[in-house]
C-alpha atoms as a PDB file:
ATOM      1  CA  UNK A   1      40.854  50.320 -23.543  1.00  0.00           C
ATOM      2  CA  UNK A   2      37.593  48.972 -25.499  1.00  0.00           C
ATOM      3  CA  UNK A   3      34.583  49.615 -24.328  1.00  0.00           C
ATOM      4  CA  UNK A   4      31.813  47.636 -22.749  1.00  0.00           C
ATOM      5  CA  UNK A   5      28.671  47.613 -24.712  1.00  0.00           C
ATOM      6  CA  UNK A   6      25.390  45.411 -22.996  1.00  0.00           C
ATOM      7  CA  UNK A   7      24.341  44.326 -26.447  1.00  0.00           C
ATOM      8  CA  UNK A   8      27.826  43.124 -27.160  1.00  0.00           C
ATOM      9  CA  UNK A   9      27.652  39.129 -28.536  1.00  0.00           C
ATOM     10  CA  UNK A  10      29.111  38.256 -25.611  1.00  0.00           C
ATOM     11  CA  UNK A  11      26.972  39.565 -23.028  1.00  0.00           C
ATOM     12  CA  UNK A  12      23.759  38.295 -25.188  1.00  0.00           C
ATOM     13  CA  UNK A  13      24.955  34.681 -25.383  1.00  0.00           C
ATOM     14  CA  UNK A  14      25.914  34.786 -21.595  1.00  0.00           C
ATOM     15  CA  UNK A  15      22.352  36.134 -20.680  1.00  0.00           C
ATOM     16  CA  UNK A  16      21.096  34.284 -23.127  1.00  0.00           C
ATOM     17  CA  UNK A  17      22.725  30.560 -21.848  1.00  0.00           C
ATOM     18  CA  UNK A  18      21.984  32.128 -17.889  1.00  0.00           C
ATOM     19  CA  UNK A  19      18.221  32.404 -19.081  1.00  0.00           C
ATOM     20  CA  UNK A  20      18.429  29.136 -20.539  1.00  0.00           C
ATOM     21  CA  UNK A  21      19.783  26.991 -17.555  1.00  0.00           C
ATOM     22  CA  UNK A  22      17.159  29.130 -15.133  1.00  0.00           C
ATOM     23  CA  UNK A  23      14.194  28.262 -17.965  1.00  0.00           C
ATOM     24  CA  UNK A  24      15.658  24.392 -17.397  1.00  0.00           C
ATOM     25  CA  UNK A  25      16.226  24.540 -13.687  1.00  0.00           C
ATOM     26  CA  UNK A  26      12.750  25.779 -12.932  1.00  0.00           C
ATOM     27  CA  UNK A  27      11.243  22.629 -15.745  1.00  0.00           C
ATOM     28  CA  UNK A  28      13.430  19.958 -13.786  1.00  0.00           C
ATOM     29  CA  UNK A  29      12.126  21.317 -10.258  1.00  0.00           C
ATOM     30  CA  UNK A  30       8.444  20.939 -11.544  1.00  0.00           C
ATOM     31  CA  UNK A  31       8.559  17.565 -12.897  1.00  0.00           C
ATOM     32  CA  UNK A  32      10.269  16.453 -10.200  1.00  0.00           C
ATOM     33  CA  UNK A  33       7.278  17.743  -7.864  1.00  0.00           C
ATOM     34  CA  UNK A  34       4.939  16.008  -9.776  1.00  0.00           C
ATOM     35  CA  UNK A  35       7.045  12.747 -10.238  1.00  0.00           C
ATOM     36  CA  UNK A  36       7.179  12.981  -6.285  1.00  0.00           C
ATOM     37  CA  UNK A  37       3.609  13.364  -5.860  1.00  0.00           C
ATOM     38  CA  UNK A  38       3.086  10.189  -8.474  1.00  0.00           C
ATOM     39  CA  UNK A  39       5.468   8.426  -6.563  1.00  0.00           C
ATOM     40  CA  UNK A  40       3.299   8.656  -3.508  1.00  0.00           C
ATOM     41  CA  UNK A  41       0.509   7.049  -4.990  1.00  0.00           C
ATOM     42  CA  UNK A  42       2.466   3.794  -5.753  1.00  0.00           C
ATOM     43  CA  UNK A  43       2.863   0.678  -4.010  1.00  0.00           C
ATOM     44  CA  UNK A  44       6.228   0.820  -3.897  1.00  0.00           C
ATOM     45  CA  UNK A  45       5.922   4.125  -1.732  1.00  0.00           C
ATOM     46  CA  UNK A  46       3.830   2.596   0.751  1.00  0.00           C
ATOM     47  CA  UNK A  47       5.930  -0.511   0.916  1.00  0.00           C
ATOM     48  CA  UNK A  48       8.725   1.748   1.532  1.00  0.00           C
ATOM     49  CA  UNK A  49       6.956   3.522   4.488  1.00  0.00           C
ATOM     50  CA  UNK A  50       5.981   0.231   5.972  1.00  0.00           C
ATOM     51  CA  UNK A  51       9.399  -1.098   5.861  1.00  0.00           C
ATOM     52  CA  UNK A  52      10.651   2.003   7.685  1.00  0.00           C
ATOM     53  CA  UNK A  53       8.465   2.356  10.387  1.00  0.00           C
ATOM     54  CA  UNK A  54       9.079  -1.743  10.958  1.00  0.00           C
ATOM     55  CA  UNK A  55      12.669  -0.923  11.422  1.00  0.00           C
ATOM     56  CA  UNK A  56      11.663   2.604  13.783  1.00  0.00           C
ATOM     57  CA  UNK A  57       9.447  -0.233  15.695  1.00  0.00           C
ATOM     58  CA  UNK A  58       7.114   2.766  15.438  1.00  0.00           C
ATOM     59  CA  UNK A  59       3.508   0.417  15.802  1.00  0.00           C
ATOM     60  CA  UNK A  60       1.393   3.718  15.285  1.00  0.00           C
ATOM     61  CA  UNK A  61       2.921   4.280  11.593  1.00  0.00           C
ATOM     62  CA  UNK A  62       2.354   0.740  11.125  1.00  0.00           C
ATOM     63  CA  UNK A  63      -1.358   0.767  12.576  1.00  0.00           C
ATOM     64  CA  UNK A  64      -1.885   3.819  10.237  1.00  0.00           C
ATOM     65  CA  UNK A  65      -0.433   1.870   7.356  1.00  0.00           C
ATOM     66  CA  UNK A  66      -1.940  -1.404   7.535  1.00  0.00           C
ATOM     67  CA  UNK A  67      -6.070  -1.794   8.161  1.00  0.00           C
ATOM     68  CA  UNK A  68      -5.221  -5.432  10.526  1.00  0.00           C
ATOM     69  CA  UNK A  69      -8.793  -5.627  10.796  1.00  0.00           C
ATOM     70  CA  UNK A  70      -9.503  -5.822   7.298  1.00  0.00           C
ATOM     71  CA  UNK A  71      -6.606  -8.421   6.620  1.00  0.00           C
ATOM     72  CA  UNK A  72      -7.980 -10.974   9.590  1.00  0.00           C
ATOM     73  CA  UNK A  73     -11.835 -10.583   8.093  1.00  0.00           C
ATOM     74  CA  UNK A  74     -10.339 -11.650   4.528  1.00  0.00           C
ATOM     75  CA  UNK A  75      -8.008 -14.254   5.467  1.00  0.00           C
ATOM     76  CA  UNK A  76     -10.357 -16.036   8.442  1.00  0.00           C
ATOM     77  CA  UNK A  77     -13.155 -17.335   6.020  1.00  0.00           C
ATOM     78  CA  UNK A  78     -10.011 -18.350   3.565  1.00  0.00           C
ATOM     79  CA  UNK A  79      -8.369 -20.247   6.654  1.00  0.00           C
ATOM     80  CA  UNK A  80     -11.864 -21.861   7.346  1.00  0.00           C
ATOM     81  CA  UNK A  81     -12.665 -22.687   4.045  1.00  0.00           C
ATOM     82  CA  UNK A  82      -9.523 -24.758   3.636  1.00  0.00           C
ATOM     83  CA  UNK A  83     -10.121 -26.518   7.119  1.00  0.00           C
ATOM     84  CA  UNK A  84     -13.364 -27.673   6.121  1.00  0.00           C
ATOM     85  CA  UNK A  85     -12.199 -28.422   2.498  1.00  0.00           C
ATOM     86  CA  UNK A  86      -8.949 -30.402   4.224  1.00  0.00           C
ATOM     87  CA  UNK A  87     -10.096 -31.815   7.628  1.00  0.00           C
ATOM     88  CA  UNK A  88     -13.970 -32.236   6.923  1.00  0.00           C
ATOM     89  CA  UNK A  89     -13.958 -34.639   4.168  1.00  0.00           C
ATOM     90  CA  UNK A  90     -15.600 -37.591   5.588  1.00  0.00           C
ATOM     91  CA  UNK A  91     -17.692 -35.801   8.404  1.00  0.00           C
ATOM     92  CA  UNK A  92     -20.880 -35.408   8.018  1.00  0.00           C
ATOM     93  CA  UNK A  93     -22.603 -31.981   7.540  1.00  0.00           C
ATOM     94  CA  UNK A  94     -23.807 -31.245  11.004  1.00  0.00           C
ATOM     95  CA  UNK A  95     -20.538 -32.270  12.359  1.00  0.00           C
ATOM     96  CA  UNK A  96     -19.212 -29.386  10.356  1.00  0.00           C
ATOM     97  CA  UNK A  97     -21.898 -27.296  11.487  1.00  0.00           C
ATOM     98  CA  UNK A  98     -21.581 -28.097  15.486  1.00  0.00           C
ATOM     99  CA  UNK A  99     -17.557 -27.119  14.971  1.00  0.00           C
ATOM    100  CA  UNK A 100     -18.374 -24.140  13.645  1.00  0.00           C
ATOM    101  CA  UNK A 101     -20.629 -23.021  15.910  1.00  0.00           C
ATOM    102  CA  UNK A 102     -18.185 -24.073  18.531  1.00  0.00           C
ATOM    103  CA  UNK A 103     -15.340 -22.233  16.960  1.00  0.00           C
ATOM    104  CA  UNK A 104     -17.476 -18.768  16.568  1.00  0.00           C
ATOM    105  CA  UNK A 105     -16.709 -17.255  19.802  1.00  0.00           C
ATOM    106  CA  UNK A 106     -13.242 -17.841  19.653  1.00  0.00           C
ATOM    107  CA  UNK A 107     -13.149 -16.294  15.486  1.00  0.00           C
ATOM    108  CA  UNK A 108     -12.972 -12.307  15.082  1.00  0.00           C
ATOM    109  CA  UNK A 109     -16.184 -10.861  14.708  1.00  0.00           C
ATOM    110  CA  UNK A 110     -16.019 -10.333  11.220  1.00  0.00           C
ATOM    111  CA  UNK A 111     -15.425 -13.829  10.555  1.00  0.00           C
ATOM    112  CA  UNK A 112     -18.051 -15.153  12.683  1.00  0.00           C
ATOM    113  CA  UNK A 113     -20.792 -14.889   9.772  1.00  0.00           C
ATOM    114  CA  UNK A 114     -18.299 -16.558   7.582  1.00  0.00           C
ATOM    115  CA  UNK A 115     -17.671 -19.617   9.558  1.00  0.00           C
ATOM    116  CA  UNK A 116     -22.128 -19.746   9.412  1.00  0.00           C
ATOM    117  CA  UNK A 117     -21.263 -19.896   5.736  1.00  0.00           C
ATOM    118  CA  UNK A 118     -18.931 -22.558   5.956  1.00  0.00           C
ATOM    119  CA  UNK A 119     -21.274 -24.555   8.029  1.00  0.00           C
ATOM    120  CA  UNK A 120     -23.361 -25.055   5.322  1.00  0.00           C
ATOM    121  CA  UNK A 121     -20.366 -26.098   3.337  1.00  0.00           C
ATOM    122  CA  UNK A 122     -20.522 -29.017   1.443  1.00  0.00           C
ATOM    123  CA  UNK A 123     -17.760 -30.606  -0.038  1.00  0.00           C
END
């Protein structure tokens, strides 16, 4: 019966192969971790979280992801400017100013300053 030697070529080849597989798996795990950390910073990940929260009807998660006040504060002035541009063409600036004054109480708080700016709009 042949003797088993820990330094036989077959034993060294097996040990080297096993060590190579272990090192490769370790590097793959590290690369996967860093890829996951990077993925969490992308817009695609945020959108996926938003879609998932909407499907689960989780309003608190949606509120955490979306700053609704910032969206309204940015959107209302755009709508106000467009409305003045479209519907205030033939109107005198004092009429536009009165309409902006009337509309200010019903607009969100952050956009009231914008409505004052729009009241001085000259087209």
